[in-house]
C-alpha atoms as a PDB file:
ATOM      1  CA  MET A   1      36.335  44.007 -78.677  1.00  0.00           C
ATOM      2  CA  ASN A   2      35.741  45.289 -75.146  1.00  0.00           C
ATOM      3  CA  TRP A   3      36.382  48.846 -76.324  1.00  0.00           C
ATOM      4  CA  ILE A   4      33.869  48.411 -79.166  1.00  0.00           C
ATOM      5  CA  ARG A   5      31.230  47.119 -76.734  1.00  0.00           C
ATOM      6  CA  LYS A   6      31.748  50.006 -74.335  1.00  0.00           C
ATOM      7  CA  ASN A   7      31.965  52.652 -77.089  1.00  0.00           C
ATOM      8  CA  LYS A   8      29.785  51.136 -79.792  1.00  0.00           C
ATOM      9  CA  TRP A   9      28.197  54.434 -80.837  1.00  0.00           C
ATOM     10  CA  THR A  10      31.608  56.091 -81.113  1.00  0.00           C
ATOM     11  CA  PHE A  11      32.687  53.126 -83.242  1.00  0.00           C
ATOM     12  CA  TRP A  12      29.677  53.416 -85.558  1.00  0.00           C
ATOM     13  CA  TRP A  13      30.102  57.174 -85.970  1.00  0.00           C
ATOM     14  CA  LEU A  14      33.810  56.685 -86.756  1.00  0.00           C
ATOM     15  CA  LEU A  15      32.875  54.000 -89.278  1.00  0.00           C
ATOM     16  CA  PHE A  16      30.296  56.352 -90.777  1.00  0.00           C
ATOM     17  CA  GLY A  17      32.903  59.140 -91.005  1.00  0.00           C
ATOM     18  CA  VAL A  18      35.406  56.846 -92.714  1.00  0.00           C
ATOM     19  CA  PHE A  19      32.737  55.778 -95.202  1.00  0.00           C
ATOM     20  CA  VAL A  20      31.841  59.410 -95.986  1.00  0.00           C
ATOM     21  CA  ILE A  21      35.503  60.405 -96.425  1.00  0.00           C
ATOM     22  CA  ILE A  22      36.185  57.446 -98.738  1.00  0.00           C
ATOM     23  CA  PHE A  23      33.079  58.254-100.771  1.00  0.00           C
ATOM     24  CA  ILE A  24      34.061  61.932-101.096  1.00  0.00           C
ATOM     25  CA  PHE A  25      37.612  61.070-102.176  1.00  0.00           C
ATOM     26  CA  TYR A  26      36.256  58.565-104.676  1.00  0.00           C
ATOM     27  CA  ILE A  27      33.869  61.135-106.181  1.00  0.00           C
ATOM     28  CA  ILE A  28      36.615  63.783-106.401  1.00  0.00           C
ATOM     29  CA  GLU A  29      38.921  61.258-108.058  1.00  0.00           C
ATOM     30  CA  HIS A  30      36.453  60.011-110.695  1.00  0.00           C
ATOM     31  CA  ILE A  31      33.964  62.836-111.301  1.00  0.00           C
ATOM     32  CA  SER A  32      36.092  64.418-114.031  1.00  0.00           C
ATOM     33  CA  ARG A  33      36.298  61.178-115.999  1.00  0.00           C
ATOM     34  CA  SER A  34      34.063  60.622-118.965  1.00  0.00           C
ATOM     35  CA  ASP A  35      33.025  57.173-117.754  1.00  0.00           C
ATOM     36  CA  PHE A  36      31.879  58.492-114.359  1.00  0.00           C
ATOM     37  CA  ASN A  37      28.489  57.064-113.360  1.00  0.00           C
ATOM     38  CA  SER A  38      26.268  59.809-111.894  1.00  0.00           C
ATOM     39  CA  ALA A  39      23.986  57.152-110.422  1.00  0.00           C
ATOM     40  CA  LEU A  40      26.749  56.369-107.918  1.00  0.00           C
ATOM     41  CA  LEU A  41      26.597  59.965-106.669  1.00  0.00           C
ATOM     42  CA  GLN A  42      22.816  59.730-106.297  1.00  0.00           C
ATOM     43  CA  PHE A  43      23.176  56.393-104.503  1.00  0.00           C
ATOM     44  CA  GLY A  44      25.676  57.889-102.054  1.00  0.00           C
ATOM     45  CA  SER A  45      23.479  60.932-101.395  1.00  0.00           C
ATOM     46  CA  ILE A  46      20.709  58.525-100.345  1.00  0.00           C
ATOM     47  CA  ILE A  47      22.752  55.945 -98.422  1.00  0.00           C
ATOM     48  CA  ILE A  48      24.817  58.423 -96.349  1.00  0.00           C
ATOM     49  CA  PRO A  49      21.821  60.286 -94.779  1.00  0.00           C
ATOM     50  CA  LEU A  50      19.962  56.978 -94.368  1.00  0.00           C
ATOM     51  CA  PHE A  51      22.933  55.416 -92.569  1.00  0.00           C
ATOM     52  CA  ALA A  52      23.195  58.459 -90.270  1.00  0.00           C
ATOM     53  CA  ALA A  53      19.430  58.390 -89.588  1.00  0.00           C
ATOM     54  CA  ILE A  54      19.578  54.695 -88.626  1.00  0.00           C
ATOM     55  CA  ILE A  55      22.458  55.308 -86.202  1.00  0.00           C
ATOM     56  CA  ILE A  56      20.628  58.266 -84.616  1.00  0.00           C
ATOM     57  CA  MET A  57      17.377  56.299 -84.314  1.00  0.00           C
ATOM     58  CA  LEU A  58      19.055  53.287 -82.667  1.00  0.00           C
ATOM     59  CA  GLN A  59      21.054  55.520 -80.326  1.00  0.00           C
ATOM     60  CA  ASN A  60      17.933  57.450 -79.282  1.00  0.00           C
ATOM     61  CA  ASN A  61      16.036  54.198 -78.726  1.00  0.00           C
ATOM     62  CA  GLU A  62      18.782  52.925 -76.427  1.00  0.00           C
ATOM     63  CA  GLN A  63      18.763  56.210 -74.489  1.00  0.00           C
ATOM     64  CA  ILE A  64      14.963  55.986 -74.102  1.00  0.00           C
ATOM     65  CA  ASP A  65      15.238  52.421 -72.750  1.00  0.00           C
ATOM     66  CA  ARG A  66      17.981  53.463 -70.334  1.00  0.00           C
ATOM     67  CA  SER A  67      15.942  56.476 -69.170  1.00  0.00           C
ATOM     68  CA  THR A  68      12.832  54.301 -68.683  1.00  0.00           C
ATOM     69  CA  LYS A  69      14.778  51.799 -66.584  1.00  0.00           C
ATOM     70  CA  ILE A  70      16.284  54.585 -64.446  1.00  0.00           C
ATOM     71  CA  GLN A  71      12.824  56.076 -63.869  1.00  0.00           C
ATOM     72  CA  LEU A  72      11.367  52.678 -62.902  1.00  0.00           C
ATOM     73  CA  ASP A  73      14.246  52.020 -60.495  1.00  0.00           C
ATOM     74  CA  HIS A  74      13.840  55.479 -58.979  1.00  0.00           C
ATOM     75  CA  LEU A  75      10.077  54.977 -58.626  1.00  0.00           C
ATOM     76  CA  GLN A  76      10.605  51.587 -56.974  1.00  0.00           C
ATOM     77  CA  LYS A  77      13.069  53.076 -54.459  1.00  0.00           C
ATOM     78  CA  LEU A  78      10.726  55.990 -53.810  1.00  0.00           C
ATOM     79  CA  ASN A  79       7.765  53.674 -53.194  1.00  0.00           C
ATOM     80  CA  ASP A  80       9.840  51.470 -50.886  1.00  0.00           C
ATOM     81  CA  ARG A  81      10.883  54.555 -48.938  1.00  0.00           C
ATOM     82  CA  GLU A  82       7.273  55.781 -48.661  1.00  0.00           C
ATOM     83  CA  ILE A  83       6.096  52.366 -47.479  1.00  0.00           C
ATOM     84  CA  GLU A  84       8.882  52.165 -44.912  1.00  0.00           C
ATOM     85  CA  GLU A  85       8.080  55.658 -43.622  1.00  0.00           C
ATOM     86  CA  LEU A  86       4.378  54.762 -43.437  1.00  0.00           C
ATOM     87  CA  GLN A  87       5.171  51.608 -41.468  1.00  0.00           C
ATOM     88  CA  LYS A  88       7.423  53.573 -39.109  1.00  0.00           C
ATOM     89  CA  LEU A  89       4.651  56.130 -38.623  1.00  0.00           C
ATOM     90  CA  PHE A  90       2.138  53.375 -37.817  1.00  0.00           C
ATOM     91  CA  GLN A  91       4.521  51.733 -35.378  1.00  0.00           C
ATOM     92  CA  LYS A  92       5.385  55.038 -33.698  1.00  0.00           C
ATOM     93  CA  GLN A  93       1.706  55.886 -33.216  1.00  0.00           C
ATOM     94  CA  ILE A  94       1.013  52.420 -31.836  1.00  0.00           C
ATOM     95  CA  ASP A  95       3.983  52.612 -29.446  1.00  0.00           C
ATOM     96  CA  VAL A  96       3.005  56.070 -28.161  1.00  0.00           C
ATOM     97  CA  LEU A  97      -0.645  55.156 -27.630  1.00  0.00           C
ATOM     98  CA  THR A  98       0.240  51.803 -26.078  1.00  0.00           C
ATOM     99  CA  GLU A  99       2.740  53.431 -23.721  1.00  0.00           C
ATOM    100  CA  ASN A 100       0.213  56.057 -22.660  1.00  0.00           C
ATOM    101  CA  THR A 101      -2.480  53.437 -22.149  1.00  0.00           C
ATOM    102  CA  ASN A 102      -0.190  51.212 -20.081  1.00  0.00           C
ATOM    103  CA  LYS A 103       0.903  54.205 -18.004  1.00  0.00           C
ATOM    104  CA  GLN A 104      -2.715  55.151 -17.367  1.00  0.00           C
ATOM    105  CA  ILE A 105      -3.566  51.580 -16.416  1.00  0.00           C
ATOM    106  CA  LEU A 106      -0.595  51.385 -14.040  1.00  0.00           C
ATOM    107  CA  GLU A 107      -1.474  54.729 -12.465  1.00  0.00           C
ATOM    108  CA  PHE A 108      -5.073  53.633 -12.185  1.00  0.00           C
ATOM    109  CA  LYS A 109      -4.142  50.365 -10.479  1.00  0.00           C
ATOM    110  CA  THR A 110      -1.869  52.190  -8.035  1.00  0.00           C
ATOM    111  CA  MET A 111      -4.559  54.722  -7.274  1.00  0.00           C
ATOM    112  CA  THR A 112      -7.128  51.955  -6.923  1.00  0.00           C
ATOM    113  CA  ASN A 113      -5.073  50.030  -4.376  1.00  0.00           C
ATOM    114  CA  GLU A 114      -4.517  53.151  -2.282  1.00  0.00           C
ATOM    115  CA  GLN A 115      -8.158  54.110  -2.452  1.00  0.00           C
ATOM    116  CA  ILE A 116      -9.307  50.614  -1.562  1.00  0.00           C
ATOM    117  CA  LYS A 117      -7.181  50.699   1.569  1.00  0.00           C
ATOM    118  CA  SER A 118      -8.519  54.099   2.574  1.00  0.00           C
ATOM    119  CA  LEU A 119     -12.144  53.268   1.712  1.00  0.00           C
ATOM    120  CA  GLN A 120     -12.401  49.858   3.358  1.00  0.00           C
ATOM    121  CA  GLU A 121     -14.101  51.421   6.396  1.00  0.00           C
ATOM    122  CA  ASN A 122     -16.423  53.670   4.366  1.00  0.00           C
ATOM    123  CA  THR A 123     -20.112  53.085   3.828  1.00  0.00           C
ATOM    124  CA  ASN A 124     -21.688  51.117   0.943  1.00  0.00           C
ATOM    125  CA  LYS A 125     -22.651  54.406  -0.672  1.00  0.00           C
ATOM    126  CA  GLN A 126     -19.032  55.488  -0.865  1.00  0.00           C
ATOM    127  CA  ILE A 127     -18.086  52.095  -2.354  1.00  0.00           C
ATOM    128  CA  LEU A 128     -20.811  52.464  -5.021  1.00  0.00           C
ATOM    129  CA  SER A 129     -19.582  55.962  -5.897  1.00  0.00           C
ATOM    130  CA  TYR A 130     -16.035  54.684  -6.232  1.00  0.00           C
ATOM    131  CA  THR A 131     -17.165  51.823  -8.498  1.00  0.00           C
ATOM    132  CA  GLU A 132     -18.870  54.290 -10.832  1.00  0.00           C
ATOM    133  CA  GLN A 133     -15.725  56.413 -10.938  1.00  0.00           C
ATOM    134  CA  THR A 134     -13.638  53.337 -11.743  1.00  0.00           C
ATOM    135  CA  GLN A 135     -15.929  52.377 -14.616  1.00  0.00           C
ATOM    136  CA  LYS A 136     -15.587  55.878 -16.063  1.00  0.00           C
ATOM    137  CA  VAL A 137     -11.798  55.577 -16.175  1.00  0.00           C
ATOM    138  CA  ILE A 138     -12.075  52.155 -17.842  1.00  0.00           C
ATOM    139  CA  ASP A 139     -14.414  53.624 -20.456  1.00  0.00           C
ATOM    140  CA  GLU A 140     -11.890  56.371 -21.195  1.00  0.00           C
ATOM    141  CA  LEU A 141      -9.168  53.764 -21.709  1.00  0.00           C
ATOM    142  CA  SER A 142     -11.485  51.855 -24.022  1.00  0.00           C
ATOM    143  CA  ASP A 143     -12.116  55.060 -25.983  1.00  0.00           C
ATOM    144  CA  ASN A 144      -8.352  55.459 -26.436  1.00  0.00           C
ATOM    145  CA  ALA A 145      -8.173  51.974 -27.950  1.00  0.00           C
ATOM    146  CA  ILE A 146     -11.032  52.814 -30.320  1.00  0.00           C
ATOM    147  CA  LEU A 147      -9.277  56.066 -31.289  1.00  0.00           C
ATOM    148  CA  LEU A 148      -6.153  54.075 -32.119  1.00  0.00           C
ATOM    149  CA  GLY A 149      -8.247  51.762 -34.262  1.00  0.00           C
ATOM    150  CA  GLU A 150      -9.767  54.736 -36.112  1.00  0.00           C
ATOM    151  CA  ILE A 151      -6.312  56.173 -36.840  1.00  0.00           C
ATOM    152  CA  LEU A 152      -5.024  52.855 -38.176  1.00  0.00           C
ATOM    153  CA  LYS A 153      -8.202  52.368 -40.210  1.00  0.00           C
ATOM    154  CA  ARG A 154      -7.814  55.780 -41.908  1.00  0.00           C
ATOM    155  CA  GLU A 155      -4.114  55.241 -42.633  1.00  0.00           C
ATOM    156  CA  LEU A 156      -4.789  51.802 -44.130  1.00  0.00           C
ATOM    157  CA  GLU A 157      -7.556  53.223 -46.314  1.00  0.00           C
ATOM    158  CA  LYS A 158      -5.180  55.964 -47.511  1.00  0.00           C
ATOM    159  CA  GLY A 159      -2.592  53.304 -48.333  1.00  0.00           C
ATOM    160  CA  ILE A 160      -5.179  51.270 -50.285  1.00  0.00           C
ATOM    161  CA  GLN A 161      -6.249  54.366 -52.255  1.00  0.00           C
ATOM    162  CA  HIS A 162      -2.611  55.187 -53.021  1.00  0.00           C
ATOM    163  CA  ALA A 163      -2.011  51.614 -54.215  1.00  0.00           C
ATOM    164  CA  ASN A 164      -5.127  51.730 -56.418  1.00  0.00           C
ATOM    165  CA  GLN A 165      -3.892  54.963 -58.038  1.00  0.00           C
ATOM    166  CA  GLN A 166      -0.434  53.488 -58.627  1.00  0.00           C
ATOM    167  CA  ILE A 167      -2.009  50.394 -60.238  1.00  0.00           C
ATOM    168  CA  LYS A 168      -4.275  52.537 -62.418  1.00  0.00           C
ATOM    169  CA  ASP A 169      -1.376  54.698 -63.640  1.00  0.00           C
ATOM    170  CA  ALA A 170       0.847  51.658 -64.201  1.00  0.00           C
ATOM    171  CA  GLU A 171      -1.871  49.857 -66.210  1.00  0.00           C
ATOM    172  CA  LYS A 172      -2.266  52.960 -68.376  1.00  0.00           C
ATOM    173  CA  THR A 173       1.487  52.982 -69.004  1.00  0.00           C
ATOM    174  CA  LEU A 174       1.328  49.249 -69.806  1.00  0.00           C
ATOM    175  CA  GLU A 175      -1.302  49.864 -72.483  1.00  0.00           C
ATOM    176  CA  GLU A 176       0.942  52.545 -73.998  1.00  0.00           C
ATOM    177  CA  LEU A 177       3.909  50.157 -73.995  1.00  0.00           C
ATOM    178  CA  LYS A 178       1.786  47.561 -75.828  1.00  0.00           C
ATOM    179  CA  GLY A 179       1.274  50.049 -78.655  1.00  0.00           C
ATOM    180  CA  PHE A 180       3.622  50.840 -81.528  1.00  0.00           C
ATOM    181  CA  ILE A 181       6.774  52.876 -80.800  1.00  0.00           C
ATOM    182  CA  LEU A 182       9.020  53.845 -83.715  1.00  0.00           C
ATOM    183  CA  GLY A 183      12.408  52.152 -83.657  1.00  0.00           C
ATOM    184  CA  ARG A 184      11.580  49.720 -80.850  1.00  0.00           C
ATOM    185  CA  SER A 185      12.285  46.038 -81.433  1.00  0.00           C
ATOM    186  CA  GLU A 186       9.925  43.248 -80.368  1.00  0.00           C
ATOM    187  CA  GLU A 187      12.513  42.118 -77.824  1.00  0.00           C
ATOM    188  CA  ASP A 188      12.629  45.602 -76.277  1.00  0.00           C
ATOM    189  CA  LYS A 189       8.841  45.763 -76.287  1.00  0.00           C
ATOM    190  CA  ALA A 190       8.556  42.402 -74.504  1.00  0.00           C
ATOM    191  CA  GLN A 191      11.150  43.459 -71.904  1.00  0.00           C
ATOM    192  CA  GLN A 192       9.373  46.761 -71.206  1.00  0.00           C
ATOM    193  CA  ILE A 193       5.990  45.019 -70.897  1.00  0.00           C
ATOM    194  CA  LYS A 194       7.501  42.417 -68.556  1.00  0.00           C
ATOM    195  CA  GLN A 195       9.015  45.110 -66.296  1.00  0.00           C
ATOM    196  CA  GLN A 196       5.768  47.080 -66.188  1.00  0.00           C
ATOM    197  CA  THR A 197       3.736  43.911 -65.460  1.00  0.00           C
ATOM    198  CA  SER A 198       6.051  43.043 -62.551  1.00  0.00           C
ATOM    199  CA  PHE A 199       5.610  46.578 -61.216  1.00  0.00           C
ATOM    200  CA  ILE A 200       1.803  46.226 -61.355  1.00  0.00           C
ATOM    201  CA  THR A 201       1.933  42.784 -59.683  1.00  0.00           C
ATOM    202  CA  TRP A 202       4.018  44.178 -56.816  1.00  0.00           C
ATOM    203  CA  TRP A 203       1.553  46.985 -56.162  1.00  0.00           C
ATOM    204  CA  LYS A 204      -1.421  44.591 -56.272  1.00  0.00           C
ATOM    205  CA  GLY A 205       0.311  42.380 -53.708  1.00  0.00           C
ATOM    206  CA  TRP A 206       0.918  45.361 -51.429  1.00  0.00           C
ATOM    207  CA  ARG A 207      -2.702  46.504 -51.822  1.00  0.00           C
ATOM    208  CA  ASP A 208      -3.987  43.006 -50.916  1.00  0.00           C
ATOM    209  CA  ARG A 209      -1.779  43.029 -47.833  1.00  0.00           C
ATOM    210  CA  LEU A 210      -3.229  46.372 -46.725  1.00  0.00           C
ATOM    211  CA  LYS A 211      -6.752  45.068 -47.356  1.00  0.00           C
ATOM    212  CA  ARG A 212      -6.092  42.022 -45.158  1.00  0.00           C
ATOM    213  CA  LYS A 213      -4.834  44.272 -42.357  1.00  0.00           C
ATOM    214  CA  HIS A 214      -7.863  46.526 -42.808  1.00  0.00           C
ATOM    215  CA  LYS A 215     -10.231  43.542 -42.603  1.00  0.00           C
ATOM    216  CA  ALA A 216      -8.486  42.172 -39.516  1.00  0.00           C
ATOM    217  CA  LEU A 217      -8.720  45.596 -37.845  1.00  0.00           C
ATOM    218  CA  LEU A 218     -12.462  45.808 -38.524  1.00  0.00           C
ATOM    219  CA  GLU A 219     -12.962  42.292 -37.161  1.00  0.00           C
ATOM    220  CA  THR A 220     -11.049  43.214 -34.003  1.00  0.00           C
ATOM    221  CA  PHE A 221     -13.057  46.335 -33.205  1.00  0.00           C
ATOM    222  CA  GLN A 222     -16.265  45.105 -34.913  1.00  0.00           C
ATOM    223  CA  GLU A 223     -19.156  47.488 -34.158  1.00  0.00           C
ATOM    224  CA  ASP A 224     -16.940  50.242 -32.660  1.00  0.00           C
ATOM    225  CA  LEU A 225     -15.390  51.082 -36.068  1.00  0.00           C
ATOM    226  CA  ASN A 226     -18.288  50.013 -38.292  1.00  0.00           C
ATOM    227  CA  GLY A 227     -20.632  52.310 -36.383  1.00  0.00           C
END
């Protein structure tokens, strides 16, 4: 029984071959007799091709289902890999910009302390000039933070657009799966629709997550990004 399950198409083709051989031997044995029924020959000429066509159709349908599942699994792995790479890219950009900002702040504080010590005996005019210079450096650091926000905003918007396209394509495929496909059983149709629906649900969840991050980013920077 295990062999039949693993090699069911080989089994059916062997069974078909045995049937054809038996039929041919029977015809050869009885065709010369006067009581031979020609309707039997006509019946066999119809049943044999029909039997072969049914086996081919079922075998092709199984191969299509297997190919569809492999493609869906491959697409899922590919999307997971793209998402992971996108997250790594985000994190790397954040780490680099954060490290540079912290380094600039540390250097600025060190420079400030040294300058304060050297400028303590200077005039009020020199102190005012130094304050203006300090504010300029702070503004530059603030601009770096805004630049980081702009980069993240663009990447999130790209991710949302990509998710929308994936959902659109998947919904189109779902509509095609809901249609009639020759040789496909209702059980196979329901399974394919279920798999495609789960795929669409996953992408909608990921898109909503990106939208929440996008909204939180806009709320953090407020007018800087909206402007």
